[in-house]
Amino acid sequence: MKLNEVELYKVQGGAITSTFLNSVARLITTVLDLGRTVGSSIRRIYSKNYC
C-alpha cells in the first residue's frame, strides 16, 4: 500500500520513543554520577582527606 502526498504529510510519530527514553535515562544517570562526585569532593574537603 502506497501513501499519496497528502497522507504522507499527515503521518505523525509518537511522542515517547525508545530514543527519547534512552536519552532521559542517560541524563538521569549523568546527573546522579555528577551528584556523587560533587558529594564525595565536598566530604573529602571537610574531612581533609585528599588522598
Protein backbone atom coordinates (compact mmCIF):
# COMPACT_ATOMS: atom_id res chain seq x y z
CA MET A 1 0.00 0.00 0.00
CA LYS A 2 1.45 3.36 -1.01
CA LEU A 3 0.50 6.64 0.58
CA ASN A 4 -0.15 9.67 -1.51
CA GLU A 5 1.47 13.02 -0.82
CA VAL A 6 -1.37 14.39 1.34
CA GLU A 7 -1.40 11.26 3.52
CA LEU A 8 2.38 11.44 3.97
CA TYR A 9 2.06 14.95 5.42
CA LYS A 10 -0.45 13.67 8.00
CA VAL A 11 1.84 10.93 9.36
CA GLN A 12 2.94 11.73 12.91
CA GLY A 13 5.43 9.98 15.13
CA GLY A 14 4.88 9.08 18.73
CA ALA A 15 5.91 11.46 21.49
CA ILE A 16 7.64 8.78 23.53
CA THR A 17 10.14 6.78 21.55
CA SER A 18 12.91 4.44 22.62
CA THR A 19 15.49 7.10 21.69
CA PHE A 20 13.76 9.63 23.93
CA LEU A 21 13.58 7.17 26.84
CA ASN A 22 17.23 6.24 26.38
CA SER A 23 18.30 9.88 26.44
CA VAL A 24 16.26 10.54 29.59
CA ALA A 25 17.81 7.51 31.29
CA ARG A 26 21.30 8.69 30.34
CA LEU A 27 20.51 12.18 31.63
CA ILE A 28 19.36 10.82 34.99
CA THR A 29 22.45 8.60 35.25
CA THR A 30 24.73 11.52 34.41
CA VAL A 31 23.08 13.79 36.99
CA LEU A 32 23.35 11.09 39.67
CA ASP A 33 27.02 10.48 38.88
CA LEU A 34 27.71 14.21 38.98
CA GLY A 35 25.96 14.46 42.36
CA ARG A 36 28.03 11.59 43.72
CA THR A 37 31.24 13.18 42.51
CA VAL A 38 30.42 16.58 43.98
CA GLY A 39 29.29 14.99 47.24
CA SER A 40 32.47 12.96 47.54
CA SER A 41 34.58 16.04 46.83
CA ILE A 42 32.78 18.07 49.48
CA ARG A 43 33.13 15.24 52.02
CA ARG A 44 36.87 14.94 51.29
CA ILE A 45 37.37 18.69 51.66
CA TYR A 46 35.63 18.77 55.06
CA SER A 47 37.40 15.65 56.36
CA LYS A 48 40.73 16.91 54.97
CA ASN A 49 41.38 13.55 53.34
CA TYR A 50 42.95 14.43 49.97
CA CYS A 51 44.48 11.06 49.22
